[in-house]
């Protein structure tokens, strides 16, 4: 269930069920998702969008395995596992009073950050093929790139110009537009060129922000002098200083050596049978006597 679609009585009813006549239009009783998930699994996407009342009831349902359906005076039971998804920072939501601290503590048993498309660009080609297959089934005829158009699109998709700001939603929209405009089911270079211009226009605002975030002085903002030592730093050519500065900046923004490697070797890794991003980055840093843990020590993510 996408919690962003739940509001008011509908939220209570969808999650916890309701009794007949609980509100206008409730002509029949409803079991609710929590009850349906008994002995099973409930996935609440965008859990940060839940109202505080629903959060309180959800907390009770998780802790006590019981809850009160909307409009009922009898408790019902449900023993379920919960997975929650969110795009927002729930800790910040707690500070703003928009999310219950006790509920966050309860659901934060394990948490995982799903990398954006830009950070796992190796997923791009399989998902392009998946989107084309979906469109083909829907349209009733095969849609695909010609060879030159596909090469052109992939070159752009892997480049720094492609921010994929909305992740897979951007990709889905992009493929859908090109497939719709494909004459005879063939996506041509002309169609790709129009799509590239559209995406770049859509990302123009974010592009400037991204460029600003990547700008930093090698000696002051990334602290390379402290990391390498002043004498070692000043013995490097300006080219090496600038290159190392950008590598360290990417490492700062990454949660692991593998994630940083995927970002830095986003093009060359696609031509390798076995991806060894972590090893390649480790060897590069080793040349300067740096370990990934050193960067985490000197800079906060």
Protein backbone atom coordinates (compact mmCIF):
# COMPACT_ATOMS: atom_id res chain seq x y z
CA UNK A 1 0.00 0.00 0.00
CA UNK A 2 1.25 3.48 -0.90
CA UNK A 3 0.57 5.53 2.23
CA UNK A 4 0.66 8.76 0.20
CA UNK A 5 -2.77 7.80 -1.14
CA UNK A 6 -4.27 7.39 2.34
CA UNK A 7 -6.07 10.28 4.00
CA UNK A 8 -8.63 10.61 6.79
CA UNK A 9 -11.30 7.93 7.12
CA UNK A 10 -9.95 6.19 4.03
CA UNK A 11 -6.56 5.74 5.73
CA UNK A 12 -8.08 4.20 8.86
CA UNK A 13 -10.37 1.98 6.81
CA UNK A 14 -7.70 0.77 4.39
CA UNK A 15 -5.22 -0.10 7.13
CA UNK A 16 -7.33 -1.19 10.07
CA UNK A 17 -10.70 -1.97 8.48
CA UNK A 18 -14.07 -0.59 9.54
CA UNK A 19 -17.39 -1.77 10.81
CA UNK A 20 -20.61 -1.41 8.84
CA UNK A 21 -21.95 2.14 9.12
CA UNK A 22 -18.71 3.51 10.61
CA UNK A 23 -18.94 6.51 8.29
CA UNK A 24 -21.01 7.72 5.36
CA UNK A 25 -20.73 5.21 2.55
CA UNK A 26 -19.56 2.34 4.77
CA UNK A 27 -22.41 0.04 3.75
CA UNK A 28 -20.35 -3.09 4.43
CA UNK A 29 -17.69 -4.02 6.94
CA UNK A 30 -14.08 -4.06 5.72
CA UNK A 31 -11.30 -6.26 7.03
CA UNK A 32 -8.37 -3.88 6.34
CA UNK A 33 -4.80 -4.55 5.23
CA UNK A 34 -3.40 -5.33 8.67
CA UNK A 35 -5.94 -8.09 9.20
CA UNK A 36 -5.40 -9.43 5.68
CA UNK A 37 -1.65 -9.58 6.39
CA UNK A 38 -2.15 -11.89 9.39
CA UNK A 39 0.62 -14.54 9.30
CA UNK A 40 2.04 -12.75 6.29
CA UNK A 41 3.83 -9.62 5.14
CA UNK A 42 2.66 -6.01 4.82
CA UNK A 43 4.63 -3.49 2.76
CA UNK A 44 3.80 0.14 3.51
CA UNK A 45 5.45 2.40 0.95
CA UNK A 46 5.95 6.10 1.75
CA UNK A 47 5.24 5.44 5.42
CA UNK A 48 6.30 9.01 6.22
CA UNK A 49 3.04 10.20 4.62
CA UNK A 50 0.87 8.51 7.29
CA UNK A 51 -1.01 10.82 9.63
CA UNK A 52 -0.13 10.88 13.33
CA UNK A 53 -3.35 9.08 14.32
CA UNK A 54 -2.64 6.23 11.91
CA UNK A 55 0.97 6.12 13.15
CA UNK A 56 -0.23 5.71 16.74
CA UNK A 57 -2.54 2.84 15.80
CA UNK A 58 0.14 1.20 13.69
CA UNK A 59 2.57 1.32 16.61
CA UNK A 60 0.04 -0.43 18.82
CA UNK A 61 -0.64 -3.03 16.15
CA UNK A 62 3.07 -3.78 15.81
CA UNK A 63 3.75 -4.00 19.53
CA UNK A 64 0.55 -5.62 20.80
CA UNK A 65 -0.57 -7.46 17.65
CA UNK A 66 -4.02 -5.95 18.26
CA UNK A 67 -5.89 -2.89 16.97
CA UNK A 68 -9.37 -1.43 16.84
CA UNK A 69 -11.06 -1.29 13.41
CA UNK A 70 -12.56 2.10 12.60
CA UNK A 71 -16.02 2.44 14.15
CA UNK A 72 -15.77 -0.83 16.08
CA UNK A 73 -15.72 -1.38 19.82
CA UNK A 74 -13.98 -4.75 19.56
CA UNK A 75 -10.28 -5.34 19.09
CA UNK A 76 -8.98 -7.59 16.36
CA UNK A 77 -5.66 -9.42 16.17
CA UNK A 78 -3.06 -9.73 13.45
CA UNK A 79 0.47 -11.10 13.58
CA UNK A 80 2.30 -9.75 10.54
CA UNK A 81 5.76 -8.76 9.38
CA UNK A 82 6.22 -5.16 8.23
CA UNK A 83 8.44 -3.66 5.55
CA UNK A 84 8.30 0.13 5.21
CA UNK A 85 9.64 2.32 2.43
CA UNK A 86 10.18 6.08 2.34
CA UNK A 87 11.82 8.80 0.27
CA UNK A 88 12.02 11.23 3.17
CA UNK A 89 14.35 11.41 6.18
CA UNK A 90 12.20 10.09 9.02
CA UNK A 91 14.60 11.40 11.65
CA UNK A 92 14.07 14.92 10.30
CA UNK A 93 10.32 14.25 10.23
CA UNK A 94 10.50 13.35 13.92
CA UNK A 95 12.22 16.67 14.70
CA UNK A 96 9.46 18.51 12.81
CA UNK A 97 6.77 16.66 14.77
CA UNK A 98 5.49 14.93 11.65
CA UNK A 99 6.51 11.38 12.58
CA UNK A 100 6.32 9.60 15.90
CA UNK A 101 9.68 8.93 17.50
CA UNK A 102 8.45 5.73 19.16
CA UNK A 103 7.16 4.35 15.85
CA UNK A 104 10.46 5.11 14.12
CA UNK A 105 12.34 3.34 16.92
CA UNK A 106 10.08 0.32 16.48
CA UNK A 107 10.31 0.00 12.69
CA UNK A 108 14.01 0.88 12.47
CA UNK A 109 15.15 -2.65 13.34
CA UNK A 110 16.93 -2.98 10.00
CA UNK A 111 17.21 -0.33 7.33
CA UNK A 112 18.70 -0.34 3.88
CA UNK A 113 19.44 2.49 1.47
CA UNK A 114 18.45 1.66 -2.09
CA UNK A 115 20.94 3.34 -4.46
CA UNK A 116 19.54 5.66 -7.11
CA UNK A 117 19.73 4.66 -10.78
CA UNK A 118 22.72 6.99 -11.18
CA UNK A 119 24.52 4.98 -8.47
CA UNK A 120 23.78 1.56 -9.96
CA UNK A 121 24.03 2.42 -13.61
CA UNK A 122 24.73 -1.24 -14.40
CA UNK A 123 20.96 -1.71 -14.06
CA UNK A 124 20.29 0.65 -16.96
CA UNK A 125 20.39 -1.74 -19.93
CA UNK A 126 18.26 -4.51 -18.32
CA UNK A 127 15.67 -1.89 -17.36
CA UNK A 128 15.62 -0.34 -20.83
CA UNK A 129 14.91 -3.82 -22.21
CA UNK A 130 12.25 -4.36 -19.55
CA UNK A 131 10.52 -1.06 -20.38
CA UNK A 132 10.56 -1.89 -24.11
CA UNK A 133 9.06 -5.32 -23.43
CA UNK A 134 6.31 -3.73 -21.32
CA UNK A 135 5.48 -1.25 -24.05
CA UNK A 136 5.53 -4.00 -26.68
CA UNK A 137 2.97 -6.04 -24.71
CA UNK A 138 0.77 -2.98 -24.22
CA UNK A 139 0.97 -1.76 -27.82
CA UNK A 140 0.62 -5.20 -29.39
CA UNK A 141 3.63 -4.76 -31.67
CA UNK A 142 7.41 -4.91 -31.15
CA UNK A 143 9.23 -1.68 -30.38
CA UNK A 144 13.04 -1.42 -30.32
CA UNK A 145 15.97 0.85 -31.15
CA UNK A 146 17.91 0.65 -34.34
CA UNK A 147 21.59 -0.03 -33.66
CA UNK A 148 22.86 3.55 -34.05
CA UNK A 149 20.00 5.02 -32.00
CA UNK A 150 20.61 2.60 -29.16
CA UNK A 151 24.32 3.42 -29.09
CA UNK A 152 23.50 7.14 -29.10
CA UNK A 153 21.00 6.80 -26.26
CA UNK A 154 23.31 4.65 -24.12
CA UNK A 155 26.22 7.02 -24.60
CA UNK A 156 24.05 9.84 -23.31
CA UNK A 157 22.49 7.74 -20.54
CA UNK A 158 25.92 6.85 -19.11
CA UNK A 159 27.30 10.37 -19.37
CA UNK A 160 27.55 13.00 -16.64
CA UNK A 161 24.80 14.94 -18.41
CA UNK A 162 22.29 12.24 -17.50
CA UNK A 163 21.28 12.89 -13.88
CA UNK A 164 18.33 10.45 -13.77
CA UNK A 165 16.95 12.75 -11.10
CA UNK A 166 13.69 10.82 -10.73
CA UNK A 167 15.48 7.47 -11.01
CA UNK A 168 13.48 4.75 -12.76
CA UNK A 169 10.49 7.06 -13.24
CA UNK A 170 12.67 9.17 -15.52
CA UNK A 171 13.72 6.07 -17.45
CA UNK A 172 10.15 4.77 -17.74
CA UNK A 173 8.91 8.12 -19.07
CA UNK A 174 11.83 8.40 -21.47
CA UNK A 175 11.33 4.96 -23.02
CA UNK A 176 7.55 5.46 -23.20
CA UNK A 177 7.95 8.75 -25.08
CA UNK A 178 10.43 7.32 -27.58
CA UNK A 179 8.36 4.16 -28.11
CA UNK A 180 5.25 6.26 -28.72
CA UNK A 181 7.05 8.37 -31.34
CA UNK A 182 8.73 5.36 -32.99
CA UNK A 183 7.47 5.05 -36.56
CA UNK A 184 6.92 1.39 -37.38
CA UNK A 185 8.20 0.35 -33.97
CA UNK A 186 11.76 1.55 -34.66
CA UNK A 187 13.33 4.17 -32.39
CA UNK A 188 15.65 6.20 -34.62
CA UNK A 189 18.49 8.63 -33.98
CA UNK A 190 16.11 11.53 -34.63
CA UNK A 191 13.73 10.31 -31.92
CA UNK A 192 16.65 9.82 -29.50
CA UNK A 193 17.98 13.30 -30.25
CA UNK A 194 14.62 14.89 -29.37
CA UNK A 195 14.43 12.83 -26.17
CA UNK A 196 17.95 13.78 -25.10
CA UNK A 197 17.12 17.45 -25.53
CA UNK A 198 13.95 17.04 -23.49
CA UNK A 199 15.72 15.25 -20.64
CA UNK A 200 18.50 17.82 -20.55
CA UNK A 201 15.91 20.59 -20.43
CA UNK A 202 14.05 18.83 -17.59
CA UNK A 203 17.30 18.36 -15.65
CA UNK A 204 18.67 21.84 -16.29
CA UNK A 205 17.80 23.12 -12.81
CA UNK A 206 19.34 20.08 -11.10
CA UNK A 207 22.38 20.18 -13.40
CA UNK A 208 23.44 23.53 -11.95
CA UNK A 209 22.98 22.25 -8.40
CA UNK A 210 24.96 19.11 -9.20
CA UNK A 211 27.80 21.17 -10.65
CA UNK A 212 27.84 23.44 -7.61
CA UNK A 213 28.00 20.44 -5.29
CA UNK A 214 30.94 19.00 -7.18
CA UNK A 215 32.96 22.23 -6.97
CA UNK A 216 35.44 22.34 -4.15
CA UNK A 217 38.93 23.57 -3.49
CA UNK A 218 41.37 20.66 -3.21
CA UNK A 219 43.23 22.12 -0.24
CA UNK A 220 40.33 23.60 1.75
CA UNK A 221 37.06 21.80 1.07
CA UNK A 222 38.25 18.23 0.64
CA UNK A 223 41.11 18.51 3.12
CA UNK A 224 43.63 16.74 0.91
CA UNK A 225 46.49 18.47 2.65
CA UNK A 226 45.42 16.97 5.96
CA UNK A 227 44.75 13.61 4.38
CA UNK A 228 48.02 13.34 2.47
CA UNK A 229 50.19 15.68 4.49
CA UNK A 230 51.16 19.14 3.23
CA UNK A 231 54.52 18.07 1.80
CA UNK A 232 53.10 15.14 -0.16
CA UNK A 233 50.18 17.22 -1.41
CA UNK A 234 52.41 20.00 -2.75
CA UNK A 235 54.56 17.49 -4.63
CA UNK A 236 51.58 16.46 -6.77
CA UNK A 237 50.94 18.04 -10.16
CA UNK A 238 47.86 20.22 -10.33
CA UNK A 239 46.32 17.56 -12.61
CA UNK A 240 46.76 14.90 -9.92
CA UNK A 241 45.45 17.22 -7.20
CA UNK A 242 42.30 17.97 -9.16
CA UNK A 243 41.74 14.34 -10.14
CA UNK A 244 42.27 13.07 -6.61
CA UNK A 245 40.04 15.86 -5.29
CA UNK A 246 37.12 14.62 -7.41
CA UNK A 247 37.72 10.98 -6.48
CA UNK A 248 37.69 11.89 -2.77
CA UNK A 249 34.55 14.01 -3.29
CA UNK A 250 32.77 10.99 -4.81
CA UNK A 251 33.97 8.79 -1.95
CA UNK A 252 32.61 11.33 0.53
CA UNK A 253 29.16 11.02 -1.03
CA UNK A 254 29.24 7.21 -1.11
CA UNK A 255 28.36 4.73 1.62
CA UNK A 256 30.83 2.07 0.53
CA UNK A 257 33.90 1.44 -1.62
CA UNK A 258 31.72 -0.51 -4.08
CA UNK A 259 29.24 2.34 -4.46
CA UNK A 260 32.04 4.86 -5.08
CA UNK A 261 33.59 2.49 -7.62
CA UNK A 262 30.32 2.13 -9.51
CA UNK A 263 30.08 5.91 -9.80
CA UNK A 264 33.68 6.48 -10.84
CA UNK A 265 33.93 3.63 -13.38
CA UNK A 266 30.37 3.96 -14.68
CA UNK A 267 31.36 3.63 -18.36
CA UNK A 268 34.33 1.27 -18.44
CA UNK A 269 32.68 -1.22 -16.06
CA UNK A 270 29.97 -1.98 -18.63
CA UNK A 271 32.54 -3.43 -21.03
CA UNK A 272 34.07 -5.77 -18.45
CA UNK A 273 32.87 -9.33 -18.02
CA UNK A 274 33.58 -9.19 -14.27
CA UNK A 275 33.12 -5.86 -12.53
CA UNK A 276 35.92 -5.10 -10.07
CA UNK A 277 35.05 -1.53 -9.11
CA UNK A 278 36.13 -1.90 -5.48
CA UNK A 279 39.54 -3.32 -6.43
CA UNK A 280 40.19 -0.64 -9.06
CA UNK A 281 39.35 2.18 -6.66
CA UNK A 282 41.30 0.57 -3.82
CA UNK A 283 44.39 0.35 -6.04
CA UNK A 284 44.03 3.98 -7.12
CA UNK A 285 43.79 5.23 -3.54
CA UNK A 286 46.65 2.95 -2.48
CA UNK A 287 48.93 4.83 -4.91
CA UNK A 288 48.54 7.85 -2.62
CA UNK A 289 48.67 5.85 0.60
CA UNK A 290 44.93 6.37 1.21
CA UNK A 291 42.31 3.86 2.29
CA UNK A 292 38.56 4.37 1.93
CA UNK A 293 38.31 4.27 5.73
CA UNK A 294 40.79 7.19 5.88
CA UNK A 295 38.34 9.32 3.91
CA UNK A 296 35.49 8.39 6.24
CA UNK A 297 37.73 9.29 9.17
CA UNK A 298 38.58 12.75 7.88
CA UNK A 299 35.22 13.66 6.36
CA UNK A 300 31.67 13.10 7.52
CA UNK A 301 29.24 11.69 4.95
